[in-house]
């Protein structure tokens, strides 16, 4: 059967694109190689689906870095406010949490998926599951048809590729489209894991596994030159660090040679080093409290033993016997806790993929390819990625909506 539009990829951007095109009257088929739609969507936000970030549209675009201006036109047509209205009008209530993060009121990503499935149904989209694309056939300047792994052929007037990147490969995101798009003539910016945990060389981090800290300032240095910084919640893993602040740093770290990279953690960012030293000077001089007990009032118990071991101070030593040099060293540990970076985790632990189809080859107003006249692109396949907090899903919604609307019209 021939369709008006064939959409490859049943993630957030693909479902939005197919639904919007069908809503506008196009005869649409949605091809998904998995046995279900939206598998990766269900994993976002820890299963809660951080669906967007209610930032000013210019601020939201700026969060994607220098390339963010490319998205501004799209956000003006279908940004966070339009997305929230879209979901609310279909019965999904939303709520705003800290830093503008938007979630379904039910805290369930399943409810977001259910809303999208209803949208596809009401738009008359033909959904084909287990439909793995093997080849895309181009004749002249246009794609003519898609050949599936089982030999079936799908023909359409227009095509939308929304296959995602390479992050979370267990969900089916294995970067299949990079090869197809390169063969079609598109430039592919080399993909790499982004928003990914940092792997450390320091052996003692094993003892800190599971430790979460709500407010930590992190400075990243390369050969003692400051590279970037972040502040927020972090979590120690068995071999490194994760958490929103760490994931956001990984975007910069991933662009440089890991040689000479170091993190310096500030566990008490509300106090300057001088303020903390004077605090110790006043409190330690007249206290018989043990060194170890004093530390439990400053940092979580799980961190105390590591601080003691690194400081070299007897944990049972009375505070009024702690020397000036020892106080100074303690300030250094609490304000500049040094960790040596080995590298970044892989795609299996990455939230998104950096790299992808060069934005120079895609019209940001319509998502239409400038290389293949009847091809549109949306979602993570594009060379655009932002920080944690709902930004990357908004890219999927915006680009998917524009692609579906542009193709249908």
Protein backbone atom coordinates (compact mmCIF):
# COMPACT_ATOMS: atom_id res chain seq x y z
CA UNK A 1 0.00 0.00 0.00
CA UNK A 2 1.17 3.51 -0.77
CA UNK A 3 0.94 6.20 1.90
CA UNK A 4 1.12 9.96 1.87
CA UNK A 5 3.71 9.89 4.64
CA UNK A 6 5.89 7.15 6.16
CA UNK A 7 7.41 7.85 9.58
CA UNK A 8 10.35 5.71 10.70
CA UNK A 9 10.73 5.47 14.49
CA UNK A 10 8.05 5.26 17.17
CA UNK A 11 9.62 7.36 19.90
CA UNK A 12 8.49 10.77 21.14
CA UNK A 13 9.31 12.67 17.93
CA UNK A 14 7.98 9.93 15.65
CA UNK A 15 4.66 9.63 17.46
CA UNK A 16 4.23 13.41 17.48
CA UNK A 17 5.11 13.67 13.77
CA UNK A 18 2.80 10.84 12.72
CA UNK A 19 -0.05 12.07 14.90
CA UNK A 20 0.16 15.65 13.64
CA UNK A 21 0.33 14.60 9.97
CA UNK A 22 -2.62 12.25 10.43
CA UNK A 23 -4.59 14.91 12.28
CA UNK A 24 -4.21 17.17 9.25
CA UNK A 25 -5.68 14.50 6.98
CA UNK A 26 -2.64 12.69 5.61
CA UNK A 27 -2.62 8.92 5.16
CA UNK A 28 0.26 8.01 7.52
CA UNK A 29 2.13 4.83 8.43
CA UNK A 30 4.37 4.69 11.51
CA UNK A 31 7.12 2.05 11.35
CA UNK A 32 8.66 0.84 14.62
CA UNK A 33 11.14 -2.03 14.86
CA UNK A 34 10.29 -2.81 18.50
CA UNK A 35 7.17 -4.67 19.61
CA UNK A 36 5.89 -1.51 21.36
CA UNK A 37 5.95 2.24 20.80
CA UNK A 38 7.62 4.71 23.15
CA UNK A 39 9.92 2.33 25.01
CA UNK A 40 12.59 4.99 25.60
CA UNK A 41 9.96 7.56 26.61
CA UNK A 42 8.92 5.29 29.49
CA UNK A 43 12.46 5.47 30.91
CA UNK A 44 12.72 9.27 30.93
CA UNK A 45 12.70 11.20 34.19
CA UNK A 46 13.17 8.01 36.18
CA UNK A 47 9.89 6.69 34.80
CA UNK A 48 8.10 9.96 35.57
CA UNK A 49 8.69 11.57 32.13
CA UNK A 50 10.21 15.04 32.49
CA UNK A 51 8.26 16.11 29.40
CA UNK A 52 9.57 19.66 28.99
CA UNK A 53 11.02 22.70 30.71
CA UNK A 54 8.84 25.78 31.11
CA UNK A 55 11.57 28.28 30.29
CA UNK A 56 11.33 31.40 28.19
CA UNK A 57 11.70 30.22 24.60
CA UNK A 58 14.89 32.19 24.04
CA UNK A 59 16.40 30.80 27.25
CA UNK A 60 15.31 27.31 26.24
CA UNK A 61 16.98 27.66 22.84
CA UNK A 62 20.13 29.08 24.48
CA UNK A 63 20.37 25.99 26.69
CA UNK A 64 21.30 24.02 23.56
CA UNK A 65 24.44 26.13 23.13
CA UNK A 66 25.51 27.95 19.99
CA UNK A 67 23.30 25.76 17.80
CA UNK A 68 20.19 26.57 19.84
CA UNK A 69 19.26 29.55 17.66
CA UNK A 70 18.41 27.02 14.93
CA UNK A 71 15.53 25.76 17.10
CA UNK A 72 14.05 29.17 17.98
CA UNK A 73 11.69 29.34 15.00
CA UNK A 74 10.34 25.89 15.84
CA UNK A 75 9.85 26.74 19.51
CA UNK A 76 7.80 29.80 18.53
CA UNK A 77 5.36 27.46 16.75
CA UNK A 78 5.32 24.57 19.22
CA UNK A 79 7.17 25.25 22.45
CA UNK A 80 6.59 24.23 26.08
CA UNK A 81 3.32 26.19 26.47
CA UNK A 82 1.87 24.66 23.30
CA UNK A 83 2.96 21.19 24.39
CA UNK A 84 1.33 21.57 27.81
CA UNK A 85 -1.89 22.80 26.17
CA UNK A 86 -1.72 19.85 23.74
CA UNK A 87 -1.46 17.36 26.62
CA UNK A 88 -3.98 19.09 28.90
CA UNK A 89 -6.57 19.23 26.11
CA UNK A 90 -6.24 15.46 25.76
CA UNK A 91 -6.81 14.82 29.44
CA UNK A 92 -3.22 14.66 30.71
CA UNK A 93 -2.73 17.05 33.62
CA UNK A 94 0.76 18.41 34.21
CA UNK A 95 2.69 20.04 37.05
CA UNK A 96 5.74 22.27 37.29
CA UNK A 97 8.57 21.37 39.67
CA UNK A 98 11.87 23.08 40.52
CA UNK A 99 13.92 24.68 37.74
CA UNK A 100 10.90 24.74 35.43
CA UNK A 101 10.77 20.97 34.95
CA UNK A 102 7.34 19.76 33.83
CA UNK A 103 5.96 16.31 34.67
CA UNK A 104 2.59 14.58 34.33
CA UNK A 105 0.60 15.15 37.52
CA UNK A 106 0.36 11.37 37.92
CA UNK A 107 4.19 11.04 37.91
CA UNK A 108 3.74 8.32 35.29
CA UNK A 109 5.48 8.22 31.90
CA UNK A 110 2.94 5.55 30.99
CA UNK A 111 0.20 8.19 31.05
CA UNK A 112 2.17 10.34 28.59
CA UNK A 113 2.55 7.36 26.27
CA UNK A 114 -1.14 6.53 26.59
CA UNK A 115 -2.02 10.09 25.56
CA UNK A 116 0.19 9.82 22.47
CA UNK A 117 -1.25 6.42 21.53
CA UNK A 118 -4.76 7.89 21.74
CA UNK A 119 -3.57 10.76 19.53
CA UNK A 120 -2.26 8.33 16.92
CA UNK A 121 -5.52 6.39 17.03
CA UNK A 122 -7.71 9.48 16.65
CA UNK A 123 -5.48 10.68 13.79
CA UNK A 124 -5.96 7.41 11.91
CA UNK A 125 -2.27 6.49 11.82
CA UNK A 126 -1.47 2.97 10.59
CA UNK A 127 1.01 1.56 13.12
CA UNK A 128 3.29 -1.28 12.09
CA UNK A 129 5.32 -2.85 14.92
CA UNK A 130 8.26 -5.19 14.39
CA UNK A 131 8.89 -3.25 11.18
CA UNK A 132 12.66 -3.02 10.98
CA UNK A 133 13.95 -0.92 8.10
CA UNK A 134 16.71 -2.58 6.10
CA UNK A 135 17.14 -0.15 3.22
CA UNK A 136 15.94 3.23 1.95
CA UNK A 137 15.74 3.46 -1.83
CA UNK A 138 16.36 6.86 -3.44
CA UNK A 139 15.64 7.65 -7.07
CA UNK A 140 16.87 11.03 -8.28
CA UNK A 141 16.34 13.64 -5.57
CA UNK A 142 13.58 11.71 -3.80
CA UNK A 143 13.19 8.65 -1.61
CA UNK A 144 11.02 6.17 -3.49
CA UNK A 145 10.45 3.41 -0.95
CA UNK A 146 11.54 1.63 2.21
CA UNK A 147 12.49 -2.03 2.26
CA UNK A 148 11.88 -3.81 5.57
CA UNK A 149 13.98 -6.64 7.02
CA UNK A 150 11.24 -9.17 6.18
CA UNK A 151 11.23 -8.08 2.53
CA UNK A 152 8.07 -5.98 2.60
CA UNK A 153 8.16 -2.64 0.82
CA UNK A 154 6.60 0.62 1.97
CA UNK A 155 6.09 3.42 -0.54
CA UNK A 156 5.09 6.99 0.27
CA UNK A 157 5.17 10.50 -1.13
CA UNK A 158 7.12 11.84 1.84
CA UNK A 159 9.22 10.36 4.64
CA UNK A 160 10.14 11.38 8.19
CA UNK A 161 13.12 9.79 9.97
CA UNK A 162 12.83 9.88 13.77
CA UNK A 163 14.95 6.91 14.79
CA UNK A 164 16.86 8.62 17.63
CA UNK A 165 20.54 8.29 18.40
CA UNK A 166 22.58 5.52 20.05
CA UNK A 167 21.81 6.11 23.73
CA UNK A 168 20.04 3.35 25.70
CA UNK A 169 20.55 0.75 22.93
CA UNK A 170 18.43 -1.78 24.86
CA UNK A 171 15.41 0.36 23.95
CA UNK A 172 16.16 -0.10 20.26
CA UNK A 173 18.14 3.12 19.75
CA UNK A 174 21.12 1.71 17.90
CA UNK A 175 21.88 4.56 15.49
CA UNK A 176 20.56 2.73 12.42
CA UNK A 177 19.70 5.91 10.53
CA UNK A 178 23.21 7.37 10.50
CA UNK A 179 24.21 4.89 7.81
CA UNK A 180 21.05 5.45 5.74
CA UNK A 181 21.35 9.22 5.92
CA UNK A 182 25.02 9.17 4.97
CA UNK A 183 24.13 7.09 1.91
CA UNK A 184 21.41 9.63 1.07
CA UNK A 185 24.06 12.37 1.04
CA UNK A 186 23.74 13.90 4.49
CA UNK A 187 26.73 14.94 6.59
CA UNK A 188 26.79 13.11 9.93
CA UNK A 189 28.59 14.85 12.78
CA UNK A 190 30.34 11.97 14.63
CA UNK A 191 27.99 10.71 17.36
CA UNK A 192 29.13 10.39 20.99
CA UNK A 193 27.43 9.69 24.33
CA UNK A 194 26.09 12.80 26.11
CA UNK A 195 24.47 13.39 29.50
CA UNK A 196 26.44 10.41 30.71
CA UNK A 197 28.08 9.44 34.05
CA UNK A 198 31.76 10.23 34.60
CA UNK A 199 34.21 7.38 35.28
CA UNK A 200 36.93 8.17 37.86
CA UNK A 201 40.39 6.73 38.50
CA UNK A 202 40.18 7.08 42.29
CA UNK A 203 39.69 3.67 43.96
CA UNK A 204 38.08 5.08 47.12
CA UNK A 205 34.92 6.09 45.23
CA UNK A 206 33.80 2.46 45.58
CA UNK A 207 33.33 3.14 49.29
CA UNK A 208 31.04 6.06 48.44
CA UNK A 209 28.74 4.13 46.09
CA UNK A 210 25.12 5.20 46.54
CA UNK A 211 25.95 8.46 48.32
CA UNK A 212 23.73 11.30 47.06
CA UNK A 213 24.35 14.98 47.73
CA UNK A 214 21.66 17.55 46.93
CA UNK A 215 23.82 20.65 46.47
CA UNK A 216 27.40 20.30 45.30
CA UNK A 217 29.44 22.69 43.21
CA UNK A 218 31.72 20.96 40.71
CA UNK A 219 34.64 22.59 38.94
CA UNK A 220 36.33 20.69 36.12
CA UNK A 221 39.99 21.42 35.37
CA UNK A 222 42.32 20.26 32.64
CA UNK A 223 45.99 20.59 33.54
CA UNK A 224 44.97 23.03 36.32
CA UNK A 225 43.06 25.27 33.91
CA UNK A 226 39.33 25.63 34.65
CA UNK A 227 37.27 24.05 31.89
CA UNK A 228 33.67 24.19 33.13
CA UNK A 229 31.53 24.13 36.25
CA UNK A 230 28.11 22.98 37.42
CA UNK A 231 26.10 22.98 40.62
CA UNK A 232 23.34 20.65 41.74
CA UNK A 233 22.71 17.11 42.91
CA UNK A 234 25.28 14.36 42.40
CA UNK A 235 25.48 10.65 43.17
CA UNK A 236 28.53 8.43 43.60
CA UNK A 237 28.43 5.20 41.58
CA UNK A 238 30.66 2.15 41.90
CA UNK A 239 33.26 3.69 39.61
CA UNK A 240 32.44 7.37 39.35
CA UNK A 241 29.79 10.07 39.53
CA UNK A 242 26.31 10.61 38.16
CA UNK A 243 23.39 12.95 38.87
CA UNK A 244 22.11 16.04 36.99
CA UNK A 245 25.09 18.31 37.71
CA UNK A 246 27.55 15.62 36.57
CA UNK A 247 25.56 14.72 33.45
CA UNK A 248 25.51 18.33 32.34
CA UNK A 249 29.30 18.58 32.77
CA UNK A 250 29.79 15.46 30.67
CA UNK A 251 28.74 17.36 27.53
CA UNK A 252 31.86 19.57 27.77
CA UNK A 253 34.14 16.78 29.00
CA UNK A 254 33.16 14.60 26.06
CA UNK A 255 34.61 17.12 23.62
CA UNK A 256 38.17 17.09 25.01
CA UNK A 257 41.01 14.65 25.55
CA UNK A 258 40.50 13.08 29.02
CA UNK A 259 44.22 13.43 29.78
CA UNK A 260 44.80 15.81 32.70
CA UNK A 261 41.10 16.13 33.60
CA UNK A 262 40.22 16.62 37.26
CA UNK A 263 37.03 17.38 39.20
CA UNK A 264 37.07 19.48 42.36
CA UNK A 265 33.93 19.12 44.45
CA UNK A 266 32.73 21.81 46.83
CA UNK A 267 30.56 20.07 49.43
CA UNK A 268 29.65 23.34 51.19
CA UNK A 269 29.04 25.84 48.37
CA UNK A 270 27.16 28.29 50.61
CA UNK A 271 30.39 29.11 52.46
CA UNK A 272 33.61 30.50 51.00
CA UNK A 273 36.89 28.82 51.94
CA UNK A 274 37.77 31.76 54.21
CA UNK A 275 34.38 31.65 55.94
CA UNK A 276 34.73 27.92 56.54
CA UNK A 277 38.26 28.31 57.91
CA UNK A 278 37.15 31.04 60.35
CA UNK A 279 34.21 28.86 61.39
CA UNK A 280 36.63 26.05 62.24
CA UNK A 281 38.98 28.47 63.98
CA UNK A 282 36.20 29.65 66.30
CA UNK A 283 34.50 26.31 66.92
CA UNK A 284 37.53 24.04 67.17
CA UNK A 285 39.54 26.16 69.62
CA UNK A 286 37.10 25.74 72.51
CA UNK A 287 35.65 22.29 71.83
CA UNK A 288 36.45 18.90 73.34
CA UNK A 289 34.38 17.21 70.68
CA UNK A 290 36.08 14.48 68.65
CA UNK A 291 37.20 15.28 65.10
CA UNK A 292 35.04 12.50 63.65
CA UNK A 293 31.90 13.69 65.43
CA UNK A 294 32.41 17.24 64.18
CA UNK A 295 32.59 16.01 60.58
CA UNK A 296 29.23 14.23 60.87
CA UNK A 297 27.65 17.66 61.35
CA UNK A 298 29.14 18.88 58.06
CA UNK A 299 28.82 15.99 55.61
CA UNK A 300 26.83 12.73 55.35
CA UNK A 301 28.14 9.81 57.48
CA UNK A 302 29.19 7.85 54.38
CA UNK A 303 31.61 10.62 53.41
CA UNK A 304 33.12 11.07 56.88
CA UNK A 305 35.50 8.09 56.82
CA UNK A 306 36.84 9.06 53.39
CA UNK A 307 37.49 12.63 54.54
CA UNK A 308 39.24 11.35 57.66
CA UNK A 309 41.43 8.95 55.68
CA UNK A 310 42.45 11.64 53.22
CA UNK A 311 43.07 14.24 55.94
CA UNK A 312 45.31 11.91 57.95
CA UNK A 313 43.90 13.27 61.23
CA UNK A 314 43.17 10.84 64.08
CA UNK A 315 39.34 10.54 64.13
CA UNK A 316 39.39 10.56 67.97
CA UNK A 317 41.50 13.69 68.23
CA UNK A 318 39.90 16.54 70.21
CA UNK A 319 39.00 19.55 68.10
CA UNK A 320 40.96 21.95 70.29
CA UNK A 321 44.09 19.92 69.49
CA UNK A 322 43.63 20.06 65.71
CA UNK A 323 46.45 22.19 64.31
CA UNK A 324 46.13 25.16 61.99
CA UNK A 325 47.63 23.13 59.13
CA UNK A 326 45.10 20.33 59.74
CA UNK A 327 42.22 22.82 59.76
CA UNK A 328 43.47 24.29 56.49
CA UNK A 329 43.77 20.82 54.94
CA UNK A 330 40.20 20.00 56.02
CA UNK A 331 38.92 23.16 54.35
CA UNK A 332 40.71 22.05 51.18
CA UNK A 333 39.04 18.63 51.29
CA UNK A 334 35.57 20.07 51.84
CA UNK A 335 35.88 22.88 49.31
CA UNK A 336 38.11 21.28 46.65
CA UNK A 337 37.70 17.52 46.94
CA UNK A 338 39.88 16.32 44.07
CA UNK A 339 38.92 13.44 41.77
CA UNK A 340 40.77 12.29 38.64
CA UNK A 341 38.70 11.61 35.52
CA UNK A 342 39.30 8.42 33.56
CA UNK A 343 36.61 9.07 30.95
CA UNK A 344 32.88 8.83 30.32
CA UNK A 345 30.51 5.87 30.45
CA UNK A 346 29.17 4.51 27.16
CA UNK A 347 25.93 4.72 25.21
CA UNK A 348 24.29 2.15 27.49
CA UNK A 349 24.27 4.76 30.28
CA UNK A 350 23.92 7.92 28.18
CA UNK A 351 20.65 9.84 28.28
CA UNK A 352 21.12 11.31 24.80
CA UNK A 353 23.47 11.26 21.82
CA UNK A 354 25.52 14.26 20.74
CA UNK A 355 26.27 14.57 17.03
CA UNK A 356 24.03 13.46 14.19
CA UNK A 357 22.67 15.10 11.05
CA UNK A 358 24.29 18.49 10.46
CA UNK A 359 21.82 21.29 11.14
CA UNK A 360 23.16 23.13 8.09
CA UNK A 361 21.33 20.52 6.00
CA UNK A 362 17.91 20.79 7.70
CA UNK A 363 15.43 23.70 7.55
CA UNK A 364 14.75 24.61 11.19
CA UNK A 365 11.33 26.06 10.31
CA UNK A 366 9.98 22.85 8.75
CA UNK A 367 12.51 20.06 9.55
CA UNK A 368 12.80 19.42 5.82
CA UNK A 369 16.06 18.02 4.48
CA UNK A 370 18.00 20.32 2.17
CA UNK A 371 19.60 17.26 0.57
CA UNK A 372 16.61 14.99 -0.17
CA UNK A 373 13.49 16.88 -1.23
CA UNK A 374 10.83 14.54 0.23
CA UNK A 375 12.63 13.80 3.51
CA UNK A 376 12.09 15.38 6.94
CA UNK A 377 14.05 14.73 10.13
CA UNK A 378 13.14 15.03 13.81
CA UNK A 379 14.37 14.25 17.30
CA UNK A 380 17.69 12.94 18.54
CA UNK A 381 18.93 12.09 15.05
CA UNK A 382 19.73 15.81 14.68
CA UNK A 383 23.05 17.30 15.81
CA UNK A 384 21.47 19.12 18.75
CA UNK A 385 21.35 18.24 22.43
CA UNK A 386 20.70 20.14 25.63
CA UNK A 387 21.09 19.70 29.40
CA UNK A 388 18.96 17.58 31.71
CA UNK A 389 15.61 18.96 32.79
CA UNK A 390 13.18 18.29 29.92
CA UNK A 391 15.07 20.17 27.21
CA UNK A 392 15.85 17.19 24.99
CA UNK A 393 12.29 15.88 25.04
CA UNK A 394 11.07 19.34 24.03
CA UNK A 395 13.39 19.11 21.02
CA UNK A 396 11.62 15.86 20.10
CA UNK A 397 8.12 17.34 20.51
CA UNK A 398 8.95 20.52 18.59
CA UNK A 399 10.79 18.90 15.69
CA UNK A 400 8.25 16.07 15.44
CA UNK A 401 5.30 18.46 15.39
CA UNK A 402 6.91 20.67 12.74
CA UNK A 403 7.89 17.71 10.55
CA UNK A 404 4.38 16.24 10.69
CA UNK A 405 2.68 19.56 10.03
CA UNK A 406 5.06 20.57 7.24
CA UNK A 407 4.77 17.26 5.41
CA UNK A 408 1.00 17.12 5.68
CA UNK A 409 0.65 20.63 4.28
